[in-house]
Amino acid sequence: MTVAEYNRCVDQYADFVFRFLMKSVRDEAAVKDLVQDSFEKLWRIHGELDAQKAKPYLFRCAYNAMIDHIRRDKRTSDLQQSINIPQNAFNQYTGVQEILQQALQTMKPEQRSVILLRDLQGYQYQEIAEITGLSLAQVKVYIFRGRVFLKQYLEKTGIRSHADLEEMA
């Protein structure tokens, strides 16, 4: 990968990596650091890496950095308090987007990441496996279980079907 290809990679993927990490970390300063660290790792091997493999490598670095960050935060603070949903949240409608965000925040980080990569970013299963370092079978399991969890979560909030979502939106 040349310096010009690296610069194109920064231009093309910086926003995508930022948004991907922001969905899980939710701390803009920390996400900026994680994005910078990911691009730094890419820079360190840019001479050895094929430009076609830069995107999966970059997202894998970002994913691993995010997991490390979340694990570090778990040790230093009580993460459960920050993601617990108040009981009265189910009694009043706050918007479909907010309900989905709440549901995503209660998922395990690995599961949330594969759901976001598949359903929000549109990656194929094999690409997700490369990015996360998980096996293809594990990616499929996480996505299936994540979707089942989201469906059950939405049903708890009173959303039973796609028609209910359309009415609320």
N, C-alpha and C. Protein backbone atom coordinates (compact mmCIF):
# COMPACT_ATOMS: atom_id res chain seq x y z
N MET A 1 0.86 -1.17 0.00
CA MET A 1 0.00 0.00 0.00
C MET A 1 0.90 1.23 0.00
N THR A 2 0.63 2.12 -0.90
CA THR A 2 1.42 3.35 -0.98
C THR A 2 0.88 4.40 -0.02
N VAL A 3 1.60 5.47 0.13
CA VAL A 3 1.16 6.57 0.99
C VAL A 3 -0.13 7.18 0.43
N ALA A 4 -0.22 7.30 -0.88
CA ALA A 4 -1.43 7.85 -1.50
C ALA A 4 -2.63 6.94 -1.23
N GLU A 5 -2.44 5.63 -1.31
CA GLU A 5 -3.53 4.69 -1.02
C GLU A 5 -3.92 4.76 0.45
N TYR A 6 -2.94 4.92 1.31
CA TYR A 6 -3.23 5.08 2.74
C TYR A 6 -4.08 6.33 2.96
N ASN A 7 -3.70 7.44 2.34
CA ASN A 7 -4.45 8.69 2.50
C ASN A 7 -5.88 8.55 1.97
N ARG A 8 -6.04 7.83 0.86
CA ARG A 8 -7.40 7.57 0.34
C ARG A 8 -8.19 6.73 1.33
N CYS A 9 -7.53 5.79 1.94
CA CYS A 9 -8.17 4.93 2.94
C CYS A 9 -8.66 5.77 4.12
N VAL A 10 -7.85 6.70 4.57
CA VAL A 10 -8.25 7.60 5.66
C VAL A 10 -9.48 8.40 5.24
N ASP A 11 -9.44 8.96 4.03
CA ASP A 11 -10.57 9.75 3.54
C ASP A 11 -11.84 8.92 3.41
N GLN A 12 -11.70 7.69 2.94
CA GLN A 12 -12.87 6.86 2.68
C GLN A 12 -13.47 6.25 3.95
N TYR A 13 -12.65 5.85 4.89
CA TYR A 13 -13.14 5.00 5.98
C TYR A 13 -13.17 5.64 7.36
N ALA A 14 -12.60 6.81 7.53
CA ALA A 14 -12.53 7.41 8.86
C ALA A 14 -13.92 7.61 9.46
N ASP A 15 -14.85 8.14 8.67
CA ASP A 15 -16.21 8.37 9.18
C ASP A 15 -16.92 7.06 9.50
N PHE A 16 -16.73 6.05 8.65
CA PHE A 16 -17.37 4.76 8.89
C PHE A 16 -16.86 4.13 10.18
N VAL A 17 -15.56 4.17 10.38
CA VAL A 17 -14.96 3.60 11.60
C VAL A 17 -15.45 4.37 12.82
N PHE A 18 -15.49 5.70 12.70
CA PHE A 18 -15.97 6.53 13.82
C PHE A 18 -17.40 6.16 14.19
N ARG A 19 -18.28 6.09 13.21
CA ARG A 19 -19.69 5.76 13.49
C ARG A 19 -19.84 4.35 14.05
N PHE A 20 -19.07 3.42 13.51
CA PHE A 20 -19.11 2.05 14.00
C PHE A 20 -18.73 1.99 15.47
N LEU A 21 -17.67 2.67 15.85
CA LEU A 21 -17.22 2.66 17.24
C LEU A 21 -18.16 3.46 18.14
N MET A 22 -18.70 4.53 17.62
CA MET A 22 -19.58 5.39 18.43
C MET A 22 -20.84 4.64 18.87
N LYS A 23 -21.31 3.71 18.06
CA LYS A 23 -22.50 2.93 18.41
C LYS A 23 -22.27 2.11 19.68
N SER A 24 -21.05 1.71 19.91
CA SER A 24 -20.77 0.86 21.07
C SER A 24 -20.14 1.61 22.23
N VAL A 25 -19.28 2.56 21.94
CA VAL A 25 -18.53 3.21 23.02
C VAL A 25 -19.27 4.42 23.58
N ARG A 26 -19.86 5.23 22.73
CA ARG A 26 -20.68 6.38 23.13
C ARG A 26 -19.92 7.47 23.87
N ASP A 27 -18.64 7.53 23.70
CA ASP A 27 -17.82 8.58 24.29
C ASP A 27 -16.96 9.14 23.14
N GLU A 28 -17.31 10.34 22.68
CA GLU A 28 -16.69 10.88 21.48
C GLU A 28 -15.17 10.98 21.59
N ALA A 29 -14.68 11.42 22.73
CA ALA A 29 -13.24 11.56 22.89
C ALA A 29 -12.55 10.19 22.83
N ALA A 30 -13.14 9.22 23.48
CA ALA A 30 -12.57 7.87 23.45
C ALA A 30 -12.62 7.28 22.04
N VAL A 31 -13.72 7.52 21.34
CA VAL A 31 -13.86 7.00 19.98
C VAL A 31 -12.82 7.64 19.06
N LYS A 32 -12.60 8.95 19.20
CA LYS A 32 -11.58 9.61 18.38
C LYS A 32 -10.20 8.98 18.62
N ASP A 33 -9.90 8.68 19.88
CA ASP A 33 -8.63 8.02 20.20
C ASP A 33 -8.56 6.63 19.57
N LEU A 34 -9.66 5.89 19.64
CA LEU A 34 -9.68 4.54 19.07
C LEU A 34 -9.51 4.57 17.56
N VAL A 35 -10.16 5.53 16.90
CA VAL A 35 -10.01 5.67 15.45
C VAL A 35 -8.56 6.00 15.11
N GLN A 36 -7.99 6.93 15.84
CA GLN A 36 -6.61 7.32 15.59
C GLN A 36 -5.66 6.13 15.81
N ASP A 37 -5.89 5.37 16.86
CA ASP A 37 -5.06 4.19 17.12
C ASP A 37 -5.18 3.17 15.99
N SER A 38 -6.39 3.00 15.47
CA SER A 38 -6.61 2.04 14.38
C SER A 38 -5.85 2.46 13.12
N PHE A 39 -5.93 3.75 12.80
CA PHE A 39 -5.21 4.22 11.62
C PHE A 39 -3.69 4.20 11.84
N GLU A 40 -3.27 4.39 13.08
CA GLU A 40 -1.84 4.30 13.38
C GLU A 40 -1.34 2.87 13.14
N LYS A 41 -2.13 1.88 13.56
CA LYS A 41 -1.74 0.49 13.33
C LYS A 41 -1.69 0.19 11.84
N LEU A 42 -2.64 0.73 11.09
CA LEU A 42 -2.63 0.55 9.64
C LEU A 42 -1.38 1.19 9.04
N TRP A 43 -1.03 2.38 9.53
CA TRP A 43 0.16 3.07 9.00
C TRP A 43 1.43 2.26 9.24
N ARG A 44 1.51 1.63 10.41
CA ARG A 44 2.71 0.88 10.74
C ARG A 44 3.00 -0.24 9.75
N ILE A 45 1.94 -0.81 9.17
CA ILE A 45 2.17 -1.92 8.24
C ILE A 45 1.78 -1.56 6.81
N HIS A 46 1.58 -0.28 6.54
CA HIS A 46 1.07 0.10 5.21
C HIS A 46 1.96 -0.38 4.07
N GLY A 47 3.24 -0.45 4.29
CA GLY A 47 4.15 -0.90 3.24
C GLY A 47 4.03 -2.38 2.94
N GLU A 48 3.57 -3.16 3.91
CA GLU A 48 3.46 -4.61 3.75
C GLU A 48 2.07 -5.06 3.34
N LEU A 49 1.07 -4.19 3.49
CA LEU A 49 -0.33 -4.58 3.29
C LEU A 49 -0.81 -4.22 1.90
N ASP A 50 -1.57 -5.12 1.31
CA ASP A 50 -2.20 -4.86 0.03
C ASP A 50 -3.34 -3.86 0.26
N ALA A 51 -3.50 -2.91 -0.62
CA ALA A 51 -4.52 -1.87 -0.47
C ALA A 51 -5.93 -2.46 -0.41
N GLN A 52 -6.15 -3.60 -1.07
CA GLN A 52 -7.46 -4.24 -1.06
C GLN A 52 -7.82 -4.78 0.33
N LYS A 53 -6.83 -5.05 1.14
CA LYS A 53 -7.07 -5.62 2.47
C LYS A 53 -7.05 -4.56 3.57
N ALA A 54 -6.93 -3.31 3.19
CA ALA A 54 -6.83 -2.24 4.18
C ALA A 54 -8.13 -2.08 4.97
N LYS A 55 -9.25 -2.12 4.30
CA LYS A 55 -10.54 -1.91 4.98
C LYS A 55 -10.81 -3.00 6.03
N PRO A 56 -10.73 -4.29 5.69
CA PRO A 56 -10.94 -5.31 6.73
C PRO A 56 -9.93 -5.20 7.87
N TYR A 57 -8.67 -4.91 7.52
CA TYR A 57 -7.66 -4.77 8.55
C TYR A 57 -7.99 -3.61 9.49
N LEU A 58 -8.39 -2.50 8.91
CA LEU A 58 -8.72 -1.31 9.69
C LEU A 58 -9.89 -1.57 10.63
N PHE A 59 -10.96 -2.20 10.12
CA PHE A 59 -12.11 -2.48 10.96
C PHE A 59 -11.78 -3.53 12.02
N ARG A 60 -10.91 -4.44 11.71
CA ARG A 60 -10.50 -5.42 12.72
C ARG A 60 -9.73 -4.74 13.84
N CYS A 61 -8.83 -3.82 13.47
CA CYS A 61 -8.10 -3.05 14.49
C CYS A 61 -9.07 -2.25 15.35
N ALA A 62 -10.03 -1.59 14.71
CA ALA A 62 -11.01 -0.79 15.43
C ALA A 62 -11.86 -1.67 16.35
N TYR A 63 -12.28 -2.80 15.85
CA TYR A 63 -13.09 -3.72 16.64
C TYR A 63 -12.31 -4.20 17.87
N ASN A 64 -11.07 -4.63 17.66
CA ASN A 64 -10.25 -5.10 18.78
C ASN A 64 -9.98 -3.98 19.79
N ALA A 65 -9.74 -2.77 19.29
CA ALA A 65 -9.52 -1.64 20.19
C ALA A 65 -10.78 -1.35 21.00
N MET A 66 -11.95 -1.46 20.34
CA MET A 66 -13.21 -1.22 21.04
C MET A 66 -13.43 -2.25 22.15
N ILE A 67 -13.19 -3.51 21.84
CA ILE A 67 -13.35 -4.58 22.84
C ILE A 67 -12.40 -4.35 24.01
N ASP A 68 -11.17 -4.01 23.73
CA ASP A 68 -10.21 -3.72 24.80
C ASP A 68 -10.67 -2.54 25.65
N HIS A 69 -11.16 -1.50 24.99
CA HIS A 69 -11.65 -0.31 25.70
C HIS A 69 -12.83 -0.67 26.61
N ILE A 70 -13.75 -1.44 26.09
CA ILE A 70 -14.93 -1.82 26.88
C ILE A 70 -14.52 -2.68 28.07
N ARG A 71 -13.62 -3.60 27.84
CA ARG A 71 -13.15 -4.46 28.94
C ARG A 71 -12.44 -3.64 30.01
N ARG A 72 -11.64 -2.67 29.57
CA ARG A 72 -10.95 -1.79 30.53
C ARG A 72 -11.97 -0.99 31.34
N ASP A 73 -12.98 -0.47 30.66
CA ASP A 73 -14.01 0.30 31.36
C ASP A 73 -14.79 -0.56 32.34
N LYS A 74 -15.01 -1.82 31.98
CA LYS A 74 -15.74 -2.72 32.88
C LYS A 74 -15.00 -2.89 34.19
N ARG A 75 -13.68 -2.95 34.09
CA ARG A 75 -12.88 -3.14 35.29
C ARG A 75 -12.85 -1.89 36.17
N THR A 76 -12.89 -0.73 35.56
CA THR A 76 -12.74 0.50 36.33
C THR A 76 -14.06 1.13 36.77
N SER A 77 -15.13 0.79 36.11
CA SER A 77 -16.42 1.37 36.50
C SER A 77 -17.51 0.33 36.40
N ASP A 78 -18.60 0.61 36.99
CA ASP A 78 -19.72 -0.31 36.96
C ASP A 78 -20.52 -0.05 35.69
N LEU A 79 -20.18 -0.76 34.64
CA LEU A 79 -20.80 -0.55 33.34
C LEU A 79 -22.30 -0.88 33.37
N GLN A 80 -22.66 -1.81 34.19
CA GLN A 80 -24.06 -2.20 34.24
C GLN A 80 -24.98 -1.03 34.61
N GLN A 81 -24.54 -0.14 35.49
CA GLN A 81 -25.37 0.99 35.87
C GLN A 81 -25.62 1.92 34.70
N SER A 82 -24.65 2.05 33.82
CA SER A 82 -24.80 2.98 32.71
C SER A 82 -25.68 2.44 31.59
N ILE A 83 -25.89 1.11 31.54
CA ILE A 83 -26.72 0.58 30.47
C ILE A 83 -28.05 0.03 30.96
N ASN A 84 -28.31 0.01 32.25
CA ASN A 84 -29.60 -0.45 32.74
C ASN A 84 -30.70 0.49 32.27
N ILE A 85 -31.81 -0.10 31.91
CA ILE A 85 -32.94 0.67 31.40
C ILE A 85 -33.92 0.87 32.54
N PRO A 86 -34.32 2.09 32.81
CA PRO A 86 -35.30 2.32 33.87
C PRO A 86 -36.62 1.61 33.55
N GLN A 87 -37.28 1.12 34.59
CA GLN A 87 -38.54 0.41 34.39
C GLN A 87 -39.60 1.28 33.71
N ASN A 88 -39.60 2.58 33.99
CA ASN A 88 -40.62 3.43 33.38
C ASN A 88 -40.36 3.68 31.90
N ALA A 89 -39.24 3.23 31.36
CA ALA A 89 -38.96 3.40 29.93
C ALA A 89 -39.93 2.59 29.10
N PHE A 90 -40.45 1.51 29.67
CA PHE A 90 -41.41 0.70 28.93
C PHE A 90 -42.81 1.30 28.96
N ASN A 91 -43.07 2.21 29.85
CA ASN A 91 -44.40 2.77 29.98
C ASN A 91 -44.68 3.93 29.05
N GLN A 92 -43.66 4.53 28.51
CA GLN A 92 -43.89 5.64 27.61
C GLN A 92 -43.03 5.49 26.37
N TYR A 93 -43.57 5.87 25.24
CA TYR A 93 -42.88 5.75 23.96
C TYR A 93 -41.84 6.86 23.84
N THR A 94 -40.62 6.47 23.53
CA THR A 94 -39.56 7.46 23.37
C THR A 94 -39.03 7.49 21.95
N GLY A 95 -39.62 6.70 21.06
CA GLY A 95 -39.17 6.67 19.68
C GLY A 95 -38.51 5.34 19.37
N VAL A 96 -38.73 4.88 18.18
CA VAL A 96 -38.20 3.59 17.77
C VAL A 96 -36.68 3.59 17.83
N GLN A 97 -36.07 4.66 17.37
CA GLN A 97 -34.60 4.74 17.36
C GLN A 97 -34.05 4.62 18.78
N GLU A 98 -34.68 5.31 19.72
CA GLU A 98 -34.21 5.25 21.10
C GLU A 98 -34.39 3.86 21.69
N ILE A 99 -35.51 3.22 21.37
CA ILE A 99 -35.76 1.87 21.87
C ILE A 99 -34.72 0.90 21.33
N LEU A 100 -34.42 1.01 20.04
CA LEU A 100 -33.40 0.15 19.45
C LEU A 100 -32.02 0.42 20.06
N GLN A 101 -31.70 1.68 20.31
CA GLN A 101 -30.42 2.01 20.94
C GLN A 101 -30.34 1.41 22.34
N GLN A 102 -31.43 1.48 23.08
CA GLN A 102 -31.45 0.88 24.41
C GLN A 102 -31.23 -0.62 24.32
N ALA A 103 -31.89 -1.25 23.36
CA ALA A 103 -31.75 -2.69 23.19
C ALA A 103 -30.31 -3.05 22.83
N LEU A 104 -29.72 -2.29 21.92
CA LEU A 104 -28.34 -2.56 21.52
C LEU A 104 -27.37 -2.39 22.68
N GLN A 105 -27.63 -1.43 23.55
CA GLN A 105 -26.73 -1.18 24.67
C GLN A 105 -26.77 -2.30 25.71
N THR A 106 -27.84 -3.10 25.72
CA THR A 106 -27.92 -4.19 26.68
C THR A 106 -27.28 -5.47 26.16
N MET A 107 -26.90 -5.48 24.89
CA MET A 107 -26.29 -6.67 24.29
C MET A 107 -24.80 -6.74 24.67
N LYS A 108 -24.24 -7.94 24.54
CA LYS A 108 -22.80 -8.11 24.71
C LYS A 108 -22.09 -7.36 23.59
N PRO A 109 -20.91 -6.80 23.86
CA PRO A 109 -20.21 -6.01 22.84
C PRO A 109 -19.96 -6.76 21.53
N GLU A 110 -19.57 -8.03 21.63
CA GLU A 110 -19.29 -8.79 20.41
C GLU A 110 -20.55 -8.97 19.59
N GLN A 111 -21.65 -9.28 20.26
CA GLN A 111 -22.92 -9.48 19.58
C GLN A 111 -23.41 -8.19 18.95
N ARG A 112 -23.31 -7.10 19.69
CA ARG A 112 -23.73 -5.79 19.18
C ARG A 112 -22.91 -5.42 17.94
N SER A 113 -21.62 -5.70 17.97
CA SER A 113 -20.75 -5.35 16.85
C SER A 113 -21.12 -6.08 15.58
N VAL A 114 -21.37 -7.38 15.69
CA VAL A 114 -21.72 -8.12 14.46
C VAL A 114 -23.07 -7.70 13.93
N ILE A 115 -24.01 -7.39 14.81
CA ILE A 115 -25.32 -6.89 14.36
C ILE A 115 -25.14 -5.56 13.64
N LEU A 116 -24.36 -4.65 14.20
CA LEU A 116 -24.15 -3.36 13.56
C LEU A 116 -23.42 -3.49 12.23
N LEU A 117 -22.42 -4.36 12.19
CA LEU A 117 -21.69 -4.55 10.94
C LEU A 117 -22.58 -5.14 9.85
N ARG A 118 -23.45 -6.06 10.22
CA ARG A 118 -24.31 -6.71 9.23
C ARG A 118 -25.50 -5.83 8.84
N ASP A 119 -26.25 -5.38 9.83
CA ASP A 119 -27.52 -4.72 9.54
C ASP A 119 -27.40 -3.22 9.32
N LEU A 120 -26.40 -2.59 9.88
CA LEU A 120 -26.24 -1.16 9.69
C LEU A 120 -25.23 -0.83 8.59
N GLN A 121 -24.10 -1.52 8.62
CA GLN A 121 -23.05 -1.25 7.63
C GLN A 121 -23.19 -2.10 6.37
N GLY A 122 -23.93 -3.21 6.44
CA GLY A 122 -24.17 -4.03 5.25
C GLY A 122 -23.06 -4.98 4.88
N TYR A 123 -22.18 -5.34 5.80
CA TYR A 123 -21.11 -6.27 5.50
C TYR A 123 -21.66 -7.69 5.33
N GLN A 124 -20.97 -8.48 4.53
CA GLN A 124 -21.30 -9.89 4.36
C GLN A 124 -20.75 -10.66 5.57
N TYR A 125 -21.26 -11.87 5.77
CA TYR A 125 -20.84 -12.67 6.92
C TYR A 125 -19.33 -12.92 6.91
N GLN A 126 -18.77 -13.25 5.75
CA GLN A 126 -17.34 -13.54 5.67
C GLN A 126 -16.52 -12.30 6.02
N GLU A 127 -16.96 -11.12 5.57
CA GLU A 127 -16.24 -9.88 5.89
C GLU A 127 -16.29 -9.61 7.39
N ILE A 128 -17.43 -9.87 8.00
CA ILE A 128 -17.57 -9.66 9.45
C ILE A 128 -16.63 -10.61 10.19
N ALA A 129 -16.53 -11.84 9.72
CA ALA A 129 -15.62 -12.80 10.34
C ALA A 129 -14.18 -12.30 10.26
N GLU A 130 -13.79 -11.74 9.12
CA GLU A 130 -12.44 -11.22 8.97
C GLU A 130 -12.20 -10.02 9.87
N ILE A 131 -13.19 -9.14 9.96
CA ILE A 131 -13.04 -7.93 10.77
C ILE A 131 -12.94 -8.27 12.25
N THR A 132 -13.81 -9.17 12.71
CA THR A 132 -13.88 -9.45 14.14
C THR A 132 -12.93 -10.55 14.60
N GLY A 133 -12.45 -11.36 13.65
CA GLY A 133 -11.60 -12.48 14.03
C GLY A 133 -12.39 -13.67 14.53
N LEU A 134 -13.70 -13.63 14.40
CA LEU A 134 -14.55 -14.75 14.79
C LEU A 134 -14.67 -15.72 13.62
N SER A 135 -15.07 -16.94 13.93
CA SER A 135 -15.33 -17.89 12.84
C SER A 135 -16.63 -17.50 12.15
N LEU A 136 -16.80 -17.98 10.92
CA LEU A 136 -18.02 -17.69 10.17
C LEU A 136 -19.24 -18.23 10.91
N ALA A 137 -19.12 -19.41 11.48
CA ALA A 137 -20.23 -20.00 12.23
C ALA A 137 -20.59 -19.15 13.44
N GLN A 138 -19.58 -18.65 14.14
CA GLN A 138 -19.84 -17.83 15.33
C GLN A 138 -20.51 -16.51 14.95
N VAL A 139 -20.10 -15.94 13.82
CA VAL A 139 -20.73 -14.70 13.34
C VAL A 139 -22.21 -14.95 13.09
N LYS A 140 -22.52 -16.05 12.43
CA LYS A 140 -23.92 -16.37 12.13
C LYS A 140 -24.72 -16.60 13.41
N VAL A 141 -24.12 -17.26 14.38
CA VAL A 141 -24.79 -17.50 15.66
C VAL A 141 -25.06 -16.18 16.38
N TYR A 142 -24.04 -15.31 16.46
CA TYR A 142 -24.21 -14.02 17.12
C TYR A 142 -25.30 -13.18 16.45
N ILE A 143 -25.32 -13.18 15.13
CA ILE A 143 -26.34 -12.40 14.42
C ILE A 143 -27.72 -12.97 14.67
N PHE A 144 -27.86 -14.29 14.60
CA PHE A 144 -29.15 -14.91 14.86
C PHE A 144 -29.64 -14.61 16.28
N ARG A 145 -28.78 -14.84 17.26
CA ARG A 145 -29.16 -14.60 18.65
C ARG A 145 -29.43 -13.13 18.92
N GLY A 146 -28.65 -12.26 18.29
CA GLY A 146 -28.87 -10.82 18.44
C GLY A 146 -30.21 -10.39 17.89
N ARG A 147 -30.57 -10.92 16.74
CA ARG A 147 -31.88 -10.58 16.15
C ARG A 147 -33.03 -11.11 16.99
N VAL A 148 -32.86 -12.32 17.52
CA VAL A 148 -33.89 -12.87 18.41
C VAL A 148 -34.02 -11.99 19.65
N PHE A 149 -32.89 -11.57 20.22
CA PHE A 149 -32.91 -10.70 21.39
C PHE A 149 -33.62 -9.38 21.07
N LEU A 150 -33.28 -8.77 19.93
CA LEU A 150 -33.91 -7.50 19.55
C LEU A 150 -35.41 -7.67 19.37
N LYS A 151 -35.82 -8.77 18.77
CA LYS A 151 -37.25 -9.03 18.58
C LYS A 151 -37.95 -9.13 19.93
N GLN A 152 -37.37 -9.89 20.84
CA GLN A 152 -37.97 -10.04 22.17
C GLN A 152 -37.99 -8.72 22.92
N TYR A 153 -36.94 -7.96 22.78
CA TYR A 153 -36.87 -6.65 23.44
C TYR A 153 -37.97 -5.73 22.93
N LEU A 154 -38.13 -5.71 21.62
CA LEU A 154 -39.17 -4.86 21.03
C LEU A 154 -40.56 -5.32 21.46
N GLU A 155 -40.75 -6.62 21.57
CA GLU A 155 -42.05 -7.12 22.03
C GLU A 155 -42.33 -6.70 23.47
N LYS A 156 -41.30 -6.64 24.30
CA LYS A 156 -41.47 -6.16 25.68
C LYS A 156 -41.95 -4.71 25.73
N THR A 157 -41.52 -3.94 24.75
CA THR A 157 -41.90 -2.52 24.72
C THR A 157 -43.24 -2.31 24.05
N GLY A 158 -43.89 -3.39 23.63
CA GLY A 158 -45.20 -3.26 23.03
C GLY A 158 -45.18 -3.23 21.52
N ILE A 159 -44.03 -3.38 20.92
CA ILE A 159 -43.93 -3.42 19.46
C ILE A 159 -43.95 -4.88 19.06
N ARG A 160 -45.02 -5.31 18.44
CA ARG A 160 -45.20 -6.72 18.13
C ARG A 160 -44.94 -7.07 16.66
N SER A 161 -45.02 -6.09 15.77
CA SER A 161 -44.87 -6.40 14.36
C SER A 161 -44.23 -5.24 13.62
N HIS A 162 -43.93 -5.49 12.36
CA HIS A 162 -43.38 -4.44 11.49
C HIS A 162 -44.39 -3.32 11.32
N ALA A 163 -45.68 -3.65 11.31
CA ALA A 163 -46.73 -2.64 11.18
C ALA A 163 -46.72 -1.70 12.39
N ASP A 164 -46.45 -2.24 13.58
CA ASP A 164 -46.37 -1.40 14.77
C ASP A 164 -45.22 -0.40 14.63
N LEU A 165 -44.11 -0.85 14.07
CA LEU A 165 -42.97 0.06 13.86
C LEU A 165 -43.33 1.17 12.89
N GLU A 166 -44.03 0.83 11.81
CA GLU A 166 -44.40 1.83 10.82
C GLU A 166 -45.37 2.86 11.40
N GLU A 167 -46.28 2.41 12.24
CA GLU A 167 -47.22 3.35 12.89
C GLU A 167 -46.50 4.33 13.77
N MET A 168 -45.46 3.86 14.48
CA MET A 168 -44.74 4.71 15.43
C MET A 168 -43.81 5.68 14.73
N ALA A 169 -43.28 5.27 13.58
CA ALA A 169 -42.29 6.10 12.88
C ALA A 169 -42.89 7.28 12.22
